[in-house]
Amino acid sequence: MARTVQKTENLFSLKVTLRGVRPPIWRRLMILGSMTLAGLHEAIQAAMGWEGSHLHTFEIGGRYYGDPDSVDDVINEEQLTMNTVVKSGGRRFNYTYDFGDNWQHEIVIEGKKPPVDGRGYPACIAGKRNCPPEDCGGRWGYQELVAALADPEHQKYQNWIEMIGEGFDPEEFSAEAADAIVAARFGRE
């Protein structure tokens, strides 16, 4: 659930970057220290534009966190907060979404930030480029998709259009639109 931050609560800036994709696709999130990894998963899904229809894990310091009802051999992601991650000295960790397409995200904790009065969190405040469509074949399939969309004569252009529809622009991104999706996901006004 979204909350307005109290002056005493930690607020962290995170940069979430999709690995192996050039030019980079990334989002900057403002996250409360009390947020669990399960909540961070939801925030990443909303900000990136993923649909949440696949499994995921976090890897922090060689340990894997996720939903133990869905993924074997993980620590329950509900048990670890961002405050705990930061206190343990972690500044970078990984998030993998969709074990088939294997979308790997690097999460960098950029630091503590002062809260903005009246602002609800989590929030997406910046980013670049559109999220790849679900089930497009991972980074290799996405590279093929981008190449095909740039060339209507490409042999697979029509196949991709039939799969993802018209109007997908890899360069398109709006922080305001992404934040509105995050706000809706967390019941934030």
N, C-alpha and C. Protein backbone atom coordinates (compact mmCIF):
# COMPACT_ATOMS: atom_id res chain seq x y z
N MET A 1 0.83 -1.18 0.00
CA MET A 1 0.00 0.00 0.00
C MET A 1 0.87 1.24 0.00
N ALA A 2 0.54 2.25 -0.77
CA ALA A 2 1.30 3.49 -0.83
C ALA A 2 1.08 4.29 0.44
N ARG A 3 2.12 5.00 0.83
CA ARG A 3 2.01 5.83 2.02
C ARG A 3 2.73 7.14 1.76
N THR A 4 2.31 8.16 2.49
CA THR A 4 3.05 9.40 2.54
C THR A 4 4.14 9.20 3.57
N VAL A 5 5.35 9.54 3.23
CA VAL A 5 6.49 9.27 4.09
C VAL A 5 6.52 10.19 5.31
N GLN A 6 6.89 9.62 6.44
CA GLN A 6 7.12 10.38 7.65
C GLN A 6 8.56 10.90 7.60
N LYS A 7 8.82 12.02 8.23
CA LYS A 7 10.17 12.62 8.21
C LYS A 7 11.23 11.66 8.75
N THR A 8 10.85 10.75 9.63
CA THR A 8 11.82 9.84 10.24
C THR A 8 12.03 8.57 9.42
N GLU A 9 11.22 8.34 8.42
CA GLU A 9 11.34 7.10 7.65
C GLU A 9 12.37 7.27 6.53
N ASN A 10 13.12 6.21 6.29
CA ASN A 10 14.11 6.24 5.21
C ASN A 10 13.43 6.18 3.86
N LEU A 11 13.98 6.93 2.94
CA LEU A 11 13.52 6.95 1.55
C LEU A 11 14.75 6.77 0.69
N PHE A 12 14.71 5.76 -0.20
CA PHE A 12 15.87 5.44 -1.02
C PHE A 12 15.56 5.64 -2.49
N SER A 13 16.58 6.10 -3.20
CA SER A 13 16.52 6.19 -4.66
C SER A 13 17.18 4.94 -5.22
N LEU A 14 16.46 4.24 -6.09
CA LEU A 14 16.98 3.03 -6.75
C LEU A 14 16.98 3.25 -8.26
N LYS A 15 18.03 2.80 -8.90
CA LYS A 15 18.05 2.79 -10.36
C LYS A 15 17.96 1.33 -10.79
N VAL A 16 16.94 1.01 -11.56
CA VAL A 16 16.69 -0.35 -12.04
C VAL A 16 16.97 -0.36 -13.54
N THR A 17 18.00 -1.12 -13.94
CA THR A 17 18.43 -1.15 -15.35
C THR A 17 18.30 -2.57 -15.88
N LEU A 18 17.68 -2.69 -17.04
CA LEU A 18 17.54 -3.98 -17.71
C LEU A 18 18.89 -4.34 -18.33
N ARG A 19 19.46 -5.46 -17.93
CA ARG A 19 20.79 -5.86 -18.40
C ARG A 19 20.75 -6.41 -19.83
N GLY A 20 21.84 -6.16 -20.54
CA GLY A 20 22.04 -6.76 -21.85
C GLY A 20 21.27 -6.11 -22.97
N VAL A 21 20.67 -4.97 -22.73
CA VAL A 21 19.89 -4.29 -23.76
C VAL A 21 20.55 -2.93 -24.02
N ARG A 22 20.81 -2.66 -25.29
CA ARG A 22 21.39 -1.37 -25.70
C ARG A 22 20.54 -0.76 -26.78
N PRO A 23 20.25 0.52 -26.71
CA PRO A 23 20.57 1.43 -25.61
C PRO A 23 19.82 1.02 -24.35
N PRO A 24 20.33 1.48 -23.19
CA PRO A 24 19.78 1.01 -21.91
C PRO A 24 18.32 1.38 -21.68
N ILE A 25 17.64 0.48 -20.99
CA ILE A 25 16.26 0.69 -20.52
C ILE A 25 16.35 0.72 -19.00
N TRP A 26 15.91 1.81 -18.38
CA TRP A 26 16.03 1.93 -16.93
C TRP A 26 14.90 2.76 -16.34
N ARG A 27 14.75 2.62 -14.99
CA ARG A 27 13.78 3.39 -14.22
C ARG A 27 14.42 3.82 -12.90
N ARG A 28 14.06 5.01 -12.44
CA ARG A 28 14.49 5.47 -11.12
C ARG A 28 13.26 5.45 -10.22
N LEU A 29 13.37 4.70 -9.13
CA LEU A 29 12.27 4.55 -8.18
C LEU A 29 12.64 5.17 -6.85
N MET A 30 11.66 5.76 -6.21
CA MET A 30 11.79 6.22 -4.83
C MET A 30 11.01 5.22 -3.98
N ILE A 31 11.72 4.58 -3.04
CA ILE A 31 11.18 3.46 -2.28
C ILE A 31 11.38 3.72 -0.78
N LEU A 32 10.34 3.46 0.00
CA LEU A 32 10.47 3.56 1.45
C LEU A 32 11.32 2.41 1.98
N GLY A 33 12.09 2.70 3.01
CA GLY A 33 12.93 1.68 3.61
C GLY A 33 12.16 0.51 4.20
N SER A 34 10.92 0.75 4.57
CA SER A 34 10.10 -0.31 5.14
C SER A 34 9.51 -1.25 4.08
N MET A 35 9.69 -0.93 2.81
CA MET A 35 9.14 -1.77 1.74
C MET A 35 9.89 -3.10 1.69
N THR A 36 9.15 -4.19 1.57
CA THR A 36 9.75 -5.51 1.43
C THR A 36 10.14 -5.74 -0.03
N LEU A 37 10.90 -6.80 -0.25
CA LEU A 37 11.23 -7.16 -1.63
C LEU A 37 9.98 -7.52 -2.43
N ALA A 38 8.98 -8.07 -1.78
CA ALA A 38 7.71 -8.36 -2.47
C ALA A 38 7.10 -7.07 -2.99
N GLY A 39 7.12 -6.02 -2.19
CA GLY A 39 6.62 -4.72 -2.63
C GLY A 39 7.49 -4.14 -3.73
N LEU A 40 8.81 -4.31 -3.60
CA LEU A 40 9.71 -3.82 -4.65
C LEU A 40 9.43 -4.52 -5.97
N HIS A 41 9.17 -5.82 -5.91
CA HIS A 41 8.80 -6.56 -7.13
C HIS A 41 7.61 -5.89 -7.80
N GLU A 42 6.57 -5.57 -7.03
CA GLU A 42 5.38 -4.92 -7.59
C GLU A 42 5.72 -3.55 -8.18
N ALA A 43 6.57 -2.80 -7.49
CA ALA A 43 6.96 -1.47 -7.98
C ALA A 43 7.74 -1.57 -9.28
N ILE A 44 8.65 -2.53 -9.37
CA ILE A 44 9.42 -2.72 -10.60
C ILE A 44 8.51 -3.14 -11.74
N GLN A 45 7.61 -4.08 -11.47
CA GLN A 45 6.67 -4.52 -12.50
C GLN A 45 5.89 -3.33 -13.07
N ALA A 46 5.36 -2.50 -12.18
CA ALA A 46 4.55 -1.36 -12.61
C ALA A 46 5.39 -0.33 -13.36
N ALA A 47 6.55 0.02 -12.83
CA ALA A 47 7.37 1.07 -13.45
C ALA A 47 7.95 0.63 -14.78
N MET A 48 8.36 -0.63 -14.88
CA MET A 48 8.95 -1.11 -16.13
C MET A 48 7.89 -1.32 -17.20
N GLY A 49 6.71 -1.74 -16.77
CA GLY A 49 5.67 -2.05 -17.74
C GLY A 49 5.47 -3.54 -17.94
N TRP A 50 6.07 -4.34 -17.07
CA TRP A 50 5.85 -5.78 -17.13
C TRP A 50 4.44 -6.09 -16.65
N GLU A 51 3.93 -7.25 -17.06
CA GLU A 51 2.55 -7.64 -16.73
C GLU A 51 2.46 -8.49 -15.46
N GLY A 52 3.59 -8.98 -14.97
CA GLY A 52 3.58 -9.79 -13.75
C GLY A 52 3.10 -11.21 -13.95
N SER A 53 3.18 -11.72 -15.16
CA SER A 53 2.64 -13.05 -15.44
C SER A 53 3.69 -14.15 -15.38
N HIS A 54 4.89 -13.84 -14.92
CA HIS A 54 5.98 -14.82 -14.84
C HIS A 54 6.62 -14.81 -13.46
N LEU A 55 7.42 -15.84 -13.19
CA LEU A 55 8.13 -15.95 -11.92
C LEU A 55 9.27 -14.95 -11.83
N HIS A 56 9.75 -14.72 -10.61
CA HIS A 56 10.84 -13.78 -10.41
C HIS A 56 11.64 -14.18 -9.18
N THR A 57 12.87 -13.68 -9.10
CA THR A 57 13.69 -13.78 -7.89
C THR A 57 14.56 -12.54 -7.77
N PHE A 58 14.97 -12.28 -6.54
CA PHE A 58 16.01 -11.30 -6.25
C PHE A 58 17.24 -12.08 -5.82
N GLU A 59 18.42 -11.62 -6.20
CA GLU A 59 19.67 -12.22 -5.73
C GLU A 59 20.45 -11.12 -5.03
N ILE A 60 20.66 -11.30 -3.74
CA ILE A 60 21.36 -10.31 -2.92
C ILE A 60 22.43 -11.04 -2.12
N GLY A 61 23.67 -10.70 -2.38
CA GLY A 61 24.77 -11.31 -1.63
C GLY A 61 24.81 -12.82 -1.71
N GLY A 62 24.48 -13.37 -2.86
CA GLY A 62 24.52 -14.82 -3.05
C GLY A 62 23.31 -15.57 -2.52
N ARG A 63 22.33 -14.85 -1.98
CA ARG A 63 21.10 -15.48 -1.51
C ARG A 63 19.95 -15.09 -2.44
N TYR A 64 19.04 -16.04 -2.61
CA TYR A 64 17.90 -15.81 -3.50
C TYR A 64 16.62 -15.61 -2.69
N TYR A 65 15.88 -14.60 -3.08
CA TYR A 65 14.62 -14.25 -2.42
C TYR A 65 13.51 -14.27 -3.46
N GLY A 66 12.35 -14.72 -3.06
CA GLY A 66 11.21 -14.76 -3.95
C GLY A 66 9.98 -15.23 -3.19
N ASP A 67 9.01 -15.70 -3.94
CA ASP A 67 7.79 -16.25 -3.36
C ASP A 67 7.98 -17.75 -3.20
N PRO A 68 8.16 -18.26 -1.98
CA PRO A 68 8.42 -19.68 -1.79
C PRO A 68 7.27 -20.59 -2.22
N ASP A 69 6.08 -20.03 -2.40
CA ASP A 69 4.97 -20.83 -2.90
C ASP A 69 5.08 -21.06 -4.41
N SER A 70 5.92 -20.27 -5.08
CA SER A 70 6.05 -20.37 -6.53
C SER A 70 7.42 -20.83 -7.00
N VAL A 71 8.45 -20.51 -6.23
CA VAL A 71 9.83 -20.80 -6.63
C VAL A 71 10.50 -21.60 -5.52
N ASP A 72 11.18 -22.68 -5.91
CA ASP A 72 11.89 -23.52 -4.93
C ASP A 72 13.18 -22.84 -4.47
N ASP A 73 13.59 -23.18 -3.26
CA ASP A 73 14.90 -22.79 -2.72
C ASP A 73 15.13 -21.28 -2.68
N VAL A 74 14.10 -20.53 -2.27
CA VAL A 74 14.25 -19.09 -2.07
C VAL A 74 13.83 -18.74 -0.64
N ILE A 75 14.39 -17.65 -0.15
CA ILE A 75 13.97 -17.08 1.12
C ILE A 75 12.76 -16.20 0.82
N ASN A 76 11.80 -16.20 1.71
CA ASN A 76 10.57 -15.44 1.50
C ASN A 76 10.87 -13.95 1.35
N GLU A 77 10.50 -13.39 0.21
CA GLU A 77 10.76 -11.98 -0.10
C GLU A 77 9.99 -11.03 0.81
N GLU A 78 9.00 -11.54 1.52
CA GLU A 78 8.24 -10.72 2.47
C GLU A 78 9.04 -10.45 3.75
N GLN A 79 10.14 -11.18 3.93
CA GLN A 79 10.90 -11.08 5.18
C GLN A 79 12.06 -10.09 5.12
N LEU A 80 12.32 -9.50 3.97
CA LEU A 80 13.46 -8.60 3.85
C LEU A 80 12.99 -7.23 3.37
N THR A 81 13.34 -6.21 4.15
CA THR A 81 12.99 -4.83 3.78
C THR A 81 14.19 -4.14 3.15
N MET A 82 13.93 -3.02 2.51
CA MET A 82 15.01 -2.23 1.93
C MET A 82 15.93 -1.70 3.02
N ASN A 83 15.38 -1.35 4.19
CA ASN A 83 16.25 -0.92 5.30
C ASN A 83 17.28 -2.00 5.63
N THR A 84 16.84 -3.26 5.67
CA THR A 84 17.74 -4.37 5.99
C THR A 84 18.78 -4.55 4.90
N VAL A 85 18.38 -4.44 3.65
CA VAL A 85 19.32 -4.56 2.53
C VAL A 85 20.41 -3.50 2.66
N VAL A 86 20.01 -2.27 2.91
CA VAL A 86 20.97 -1.17 3.02
C VAL A 86 21.86 -1.35 4.25
N LYS A 87 21.29 -1.75 5.38
CA LYS A 87 22.08 -1.94 6.61
C LYS A 87 23.13 -3.04 6.43
N SER A 88 22.83 -4.04 5.59
CA SER A 88 23.78 -5.13 5.37
C SER A 88 24.92 -4.72 4.45
N GLY A 89 24.88 -3.50 3.96
CA GLY A 89 25.95 -3.01 3.09
C GLY A 89 25.70 -3.23 1.62
N GLY A 90 24.58 -3.81 1.29
CA GLY A 90 24.27 -4.04 -0.11
C GLY A 90 24.00 -2.74 -0.84
N ARG A 91 24.64 -2.54 -1.96
CA ARG A 91 24.41 -1.35 -2.78
C ARG A 91 23.95 -1.71 -4.19
N ARG A 92 24.17 -2.96 -4.55
CA ARG A 92 23.76 -3.48 -5.86
C ARG A 92 23.21 -4.88 -5.66
N PHE A 93 22.14 -5.17 -6.38
CA PHE A 93 21.62 -6.52 -6.36
C PHE A 93 20.85 -6.77 -7.65
N ASN A 94 20.41 -7.99 -7.84
CA ASN A 94 19.79 -8.40 -9.09
C ASN A 94 18.34 -8.83 -8.89
N TYR A 95 17.57 -8.60 -9.93
CA TYR A 95 16.18 -9.02 -9.99
C TYR A 95 15.99 -9.69 -11.34
N THR A 96 15.53 -10.93 -11.34
CA THR A 96 15.26 -11.65 -12.58
C THR A 96 13.78 -11.87 -12.71
N TYR A 97 13.26 -11.54 -13.88
CA TYR A 97 11.84 -11.71 -14.17
C TYR A 97 11.70 -12.57 -15.42
N ASP A 98 10.80 -13.54 -15.37
CA ASP A 98 10.50 -14.45 -16.48
C ASP A 98 11.70 -15.36 -16.74
N PHE A 99 11.68 -16.52 -16.10
CA PHE A 99 12.80 -17.44 -16.19
C PHE A 99 13.01 -17.98 -17.60
N GLY A 100 12.02 -17.87 -18.48
CA GLY A 100 12.19 -18.27 -19.87
C GLY A 100 12.93 -17.20 -20.67
N ASP A 101 12.40 -15.98 -20.66
CA ASP A 101 13.06 -14.88 -21.36
C ASP A 101 14.26 -14.36 -20.58
N ASN A 102 14.30 -14.64 -19.27
CA ASN A 102 15.44 -14.32 -18.42
C ASN A 102 15.80 -12.83 -18.42
N TRP A 103 14.81 -12.00 -18.10
CA TRP A 103 15.06 -10.56 -18.02
C TRP A 103 15.77 -10.26 -16.72
N GLN A 104 17.04 -9.90 -16.80
CA GLN A 104 17.83 -9.59 -15.62
C GLN A 104 17.93 -8.08 -15.47
N HIS A 105 17.66 -7.64 -14.26
CA HIS A 105 17.71 -6.22 -13.92
C HIS A 105 18.77 -6.00 -12.85
N GLU A 106 19.58 -4.99 -13.04
CA GLU A 106 20.51 -4.58 -11.99
C GLU A 106 19.86 -3.46 -11.20
N ILE A 107 19.86 -3.60 -9.88
CA ILE A 107 19.29 -2.58 -9.01
C ILE A 107 20.44 -1.94 -8.23
N VAL A 108 20.58 -0.64 -8.38
CA VAL A 108 21.60 0.11 -7.68
C VAL A 108 20.91 1.03 -6.68
N ILE A 109 21.31 0.92 -5.42
CA ILE A 109 20.80 1.83 -4.39
C ILE A 109 21.65 3.09 -4.49
N GLU A 110 21.03 4.15 -5.00
CA GLU A 110 21.77 5.39 -5.24
C GLU A 110 21.98 6.18 -3.95
N GLY A 111 21.14 5.97 -2.96
CA GLY A 111 21.31 6.65 -1.68
C GLY A 111 20.00 7.06 -1.07
N LYS A 112 20.13 7.63 0.12
CA LYS A 112 18.96 8.16 0.82
C LYS A 112 18.64 9.52 0.23
N LYS A 113 17.36 9.81 0.17
CA LYS A 113 16.89 11.09 -0.34
C LYS A 113 15.95 11.70 0.68
N PRO A 114 15.88 13.01 0.69
CA PRO A 114 14.91 13.64 1.59
C PRO A 114 13.49 13.45 1.04
N PRO A 115 12.55 13.21 1.93
CA PRO A 115 11.16 13.06 1.46
C PRO A 115 10.61 14.38 0.96
N VAL A 116 9.68 14.28 0.04
CA VAL A 116 8.96 15.45 -0.46
C VAL A 116 7.63 15.50 0.27
N ASP A 117 7.35 16.61 0.93
CA ASP A 117 6.10 16.75 1.68
C ASP A 117 4.89 16.46 0.79
N GLY A 118 4.00 15.62 1.31
CA GLY A 118 2.75 15.33 0.61
C GLY A 118 2.88 14.32 -0.51
N ARG A 119 4.08 13.82 -0.76
CA ARG A 119 4.29 12.87 -1.86
C ARG A 119 4.06 11.45 -1.37
N GLY A 120 3.40 10.63 -2.18
CA GLY A 120 3.19 9.22 -1.86
C GLY A 120 4.28 8.36 -2.47
N TYR A 121 4.57 7.25 -1.83
CA TYR A 121 5.61 6.34 -2.31
C TYR A 121 5.10 4.92 -2.28
N PRO A 122 5.60 4.06 -3.15
CA PRO A 122 6.71 4.22 -4.08
C PRO A 122 6.34 5.12 -5.25
N ALA A 123 7.39 5.60 -5.93
CA ALA A 123 7.18 6.49 -7.07
C ALA A 123 8.24 6.21 -8.13
N CYS A 124 7.86 6.33 -9.39
CA CYS A 124 8.79 6.29 -10.51
C CYS A 124 9.01 7.74 -10.93
N ILE A 125 10.25 8.21 -10.83
CA ILE A 125 10.50 9.63 -11.09
C ILE A 125 11.28 9.88 -12.38
N ALA A 126 11.85 8.82 -12.98
CA ALA A 126 12.62 9.01 -14.22
C ALA A 126 12.82 7.66 -14.89
N GLY A 127 13.28 7.69 -16.11
CA GLY A 127 13.58 6.47 -16.84
C GLY A 127 13.87 6.76 -18.30
N LYS A 128 14.21 5.72 -19.01
CA LYS A 128 14.46 5.83 -20.45
C LYS A 128 13.95 4.57 -21.14
N ARG A 129 13.31 4.76 -22.23
CA ARG A 129 12.89 3.75 -23.19
C ARG A 129 11.79 2.82 -22.69
N ASN A 130 11.05 2.35 -23.64
CA ASN A 130 9.92 1.46 -23.42
C ASN A 130 10.41 0.08 -22.97
N CYS A 131 9.64 -0.55 -22.15
CA CYS A 131 9.91 -1.91 -21.70
C CYS A 131 9.67 -2.87 -22.86
N PRO A 132 10.50 -3.89 -23.03
CA PRO A 132 10.22 -4.89 -24.07
C PRO A 132 8.88 -5.56 -23.82
N PRO A 133 8.20 -5.97 -24.89
CA PRO A 133 6.94 -6.70 -24.71
C PRO A 133 7.17 -8.05 -24.03
N GLU A 134 6.19 -8.48 -23.26
CA GLU A 134 6.26 -9.80 -22.63
C GLU A 134 6.42 -10.87 -23.72
N ASP A 135 7.16 -11.92 -23.37
CA ASP A 135 7.30 -13.12 -24.20
C ASP A 135 7.86 -12.85 -25.59
N CYS A 136 8.76 -11.86 -25.70
CA CYS A 136 9.33 -11.56 -27.01
C CYS A 136 10.64 -12.31 -27.25
N GLY A 137 11.04 -13.16 -26.32
CA GLY A 137 12.23 -13.97 -26.54
C GLY A 137 13.48 -13.46 -25.85
N GLY A 138 13.32 -12.70 -24.80
CA GLY A 138 14.48 -12.19 -24.08
C GLY A 138 15.22 -11.13 -24.87
N ARG A 139 16.44 -10.87 -24.43
CA ARG A 139 17.18 -9.77 -25.08
C ARG A 139 17.48 -10.05 -26.54
N TRP A 140 17.67 -11.33 -26.91
CA TRP A 140 17.95 -11.65 -28.32
C TRP A 140 16.71 -11.42 -29.17
N GLY A 141 15.58 -11.87 -28.69
CA GLY A 141 14.33 -11.64 -29.41
C GLY A 141 13.99 -10.17 -29.49
N TYR A 142 14.28 -9.44 -28.40
CA TYR A 142 14.01 -8.00 -28.40
C TYR A 142 14.88 -7.27 -29.40
N GLN A 143 16.15 -7.66 -29.52
CA GLN A 143 17.03 -7.04 -30.52
C GLN A 143 16.49 -7.29 -31.94
N GLU A 144 16.01 -8.50 -32.18
CA GLU A 144 15.42 -8.81 -33.48
C GLU A 144 14.16 -7.97 -33.70
N LEU A 145 13.33 -7.84 -32.67
CA LEU A 145 12.11 -7.04 -32.76
C LEU A 145 12.43 -5.59 -33.13
N VAL A 146 13.40 -5.00 -32.43
CA VAL A 146 13.76 -3.60 -32.70
C VAL A 146 14.28 -3.45 -34.13
N ALA A 147 15.12 -4.39 -34.59
CA ALA A 147 15.63 -4.34 -35.96
C ALA A 147 14.50 -4.47 -36.98
N ALA A 148 13.55 -5.36 -36.72
CA ALA A 148 12.43 -5.56 -37.64
C ALA A 148 11.53 -4.33 -37.69
N LEU A 149 11.26 -3.72 -36.54
CA LEU A 149 10.40 -2.54 -36.53
C LEU A 149 11.02 -1.36 -37.26
N ALA A 150 12.35 -1.31 -37.28
CA ALA A 150 13.05 -0.22 -37.97
C ALA A 150 13.04 -0.40 -39.49
N ASP A 151 12.67 -1.59 -39.95
CA ASP A 151 12.72 -1.88 -41.39
C ASP A 151 11.47 -2.66 -41.81
N PRO A 152 10.45 -1.97 -42.34
CA PRO A 152 9.23 -2.67 -42.76
C PRO A 152 9.46 -3.76 -43.80
N GLU A 153 10.63 -3.77 -44.44
CA GLU A 153 10.96 -4.82 -45.41
C GLU A 153 11.63 -6.02 -44.75
N HIS A 154 11.89 -5.92 -43.45
CA HIS A 154 12.52 -7.02 -42.70
C HIS A 154 11.63 -8.26 -42.83
N GLN A 155 12.25 -9.43 -42.99
CA GLN A 155 11.50 -10.67 -43.21
C GLN A 155 10.55 -11.02 -42.07
N LYS A 156 10.83 -10.53 -40.86
CA LYS A 156 9.97 -10.86 -39.71
C LYS A 156 9.13 -9.67 -39.25
N TYR A 157 9.13 -8.59 -40.01
CA TYR A 157 8.39 -7.40 -39.62
C TYR A 157 6.92 -7.73 -39.36
N GLN A 158 6.27 -8.38 -40.29
CA GLN A 158 4.84 -8.67 -40.16
C GLN A 158 4.55 -9.61 -39.00
N ASN A 159 5.43 -10.60 -38.79
CA ASN A 159 5.26 -11.52 -37.65
C ASN A 159 5.25 -10.75 -36.33
N TRP A 160 6.20 -9.81 -36.18
CA TRP A 160 6.27 -9.03 -34.94
C TRP A 160 5.05 -8.14 -34.78
N ILE A 161 4.61 -7.52 -35.86
CA ILE A 161 3.44 -6.65 -35.80
C ILE A 161 2.22 -7.47 -35.36
N GLU A 162 2.07 -8.66 -35.88
CA GLU A 162 0.95 -9.52 -35.49
C GLU A 162 1.05 -9.92 -34.02
N MET A 163 2.27 -10.09 -33.52
CA MET A 163 2.45 -10.51 -32.13
C MET A 163 2.22 -9.35 -31.15
N ILE A 164 2.80 -8.20 -31.42
CA ILE A 164 2.76 -7.10 -30.44
C ILE A 164 1.80 -5.99 -30.82
N GLY A 165 1.28 -6.02 -32.04
CA GLY A 165 0.38 -4.96 -32.48
C GLY A 165 1.15 -3.77 -33.03
N GLU A 166 0.42 -2.85 -33.60
CA GLU A 166 1.04 -1.64 -34.16
C GLU A 166 1.25 -0.63 -33.04
N GLY A 167 2.19 0.24 -33.24
CA GLY A 167 2.36 1.35 -32.33
C GLY A 167 3.39 1.19 -31.24
N PHE A 168 4.08 0.04 -31.17
CA PHE A 168 5.13 -0.10 -30.17
C PHE A 168 6.34 0.72 -30.60
N ASP A 169 6.76 1.65 -29.76
CA ASP A 169 7.93 2.47 -30.03
C ASP A 169 8.96 2.19 -28.94
N PRO A 170 10.11 1.58 -29.29
CA PRO A 170 11.11 1.25 -28.28
C PRO A 170 11.67 2.47 -27.54
N GLU A 171 11.61 3.63 -28.14
CA GLU A 171 12.15 4.84 -27.52
C GLU A 171 11.17 5.54 -26.59
N GLU A 172 9.90 5.19 -26.68
CA GLU A 172 8.87 5.90 -25.92
C GLU A 172 8.97 5.60 -24.43
N PHE A 173 8.91 6.65 -23.62
CA PHE A 173 8.82 6.51 -22.18
C PHE A 173 8.35 7.83 -21.58
N SER A 174 7.46 7.74 -20.62
CA SER A 174 6.99 8.89 -19.88
C SER A 174 7.05 8.56 -18.40
N ALA A 175 7.86 9.33 -17.66
CA ALA A 175 7.94 9.11 -16.21
C ALA A 175 6.58 9.34 -15.56
N GLU A 176 5.83 10.31 -16.06
CA GLU A 176 4.50 10.59 -15.49
C GLU A 176 3.56 9.41 -15.69
N ALA A 177 3.58 8.82 -16.88
CA ALA A 177 2.72 7.67 -17.15
C ALA A 177 3.15 6.46 -16.32
N ALA A 178 4.47 6.22 -16.21
CA ALA A 178 4.96 5.10 -15.41
C ALA A 178 4.59 5.30 -13.95
N ASP A 179 4.72 6.54 -13.45
CA ASP A 179 4.37 6.80 -12.05
C ASP A 179 2.88 6.63 -11.81
N ALA A 180 2.06 6.97 -12.81
CA ALA A 180 0.62 6.77 -12.66
C ALA A 180 0.29 5.28 -12.53
N ILE A 181 1.02 4.43 -13.24
CA ILE A 181 0.82 2.98 -13.14
C ILE A 181 1.26 2.49 -11.76
N VAL A 182 2.40 3.00 -11.28
CA VAL A 182 2.86 2.65 -9.93
C VAL A 182 1.82 3.10 -8.91
N ALA A 183 1.34 4.33 -9.06
CA ALA A 183 0.33 4.87 -8.13
C ALA A 183 -0.91 3.99 -8.10
N ALA A 184 -1.38 3.58 -9.27
CA ALA A 184 -2.56 2.73 -9.33
C ALA A 184 -2.31 1.37 -8.67
N ARG A 185 -1.13 0.80 -8.91
CA ARG A 185 -0.80 -0.50 -8.34
C ARG A 185 -0.77 -0.46 -6.82
N PHE A 186 -0.36 0.68 -6.26
CA PHE A 186 -0.22 0.79 -4.81
C PHE A 186 -1.35 1.60 -4.17
N GLY A 187 -2.39 1.93 -4.94
CA GLY A 187 -3.52 2.65 -4.38
C GLY A 187 -3.18 4.07 -3.98
N ARG A 188 -2.19 4.65 -4.66
CA ARG A 188 -1.75 6.00 -4.37
C ARG A 188 -2.52 6.97 -5.24
N GLU A 189 -2.90 8.10 -4.70
CA GLU A 189 -3.63 9.10 -5.50
C GLU A 189 -2.68 9.96 -6.29
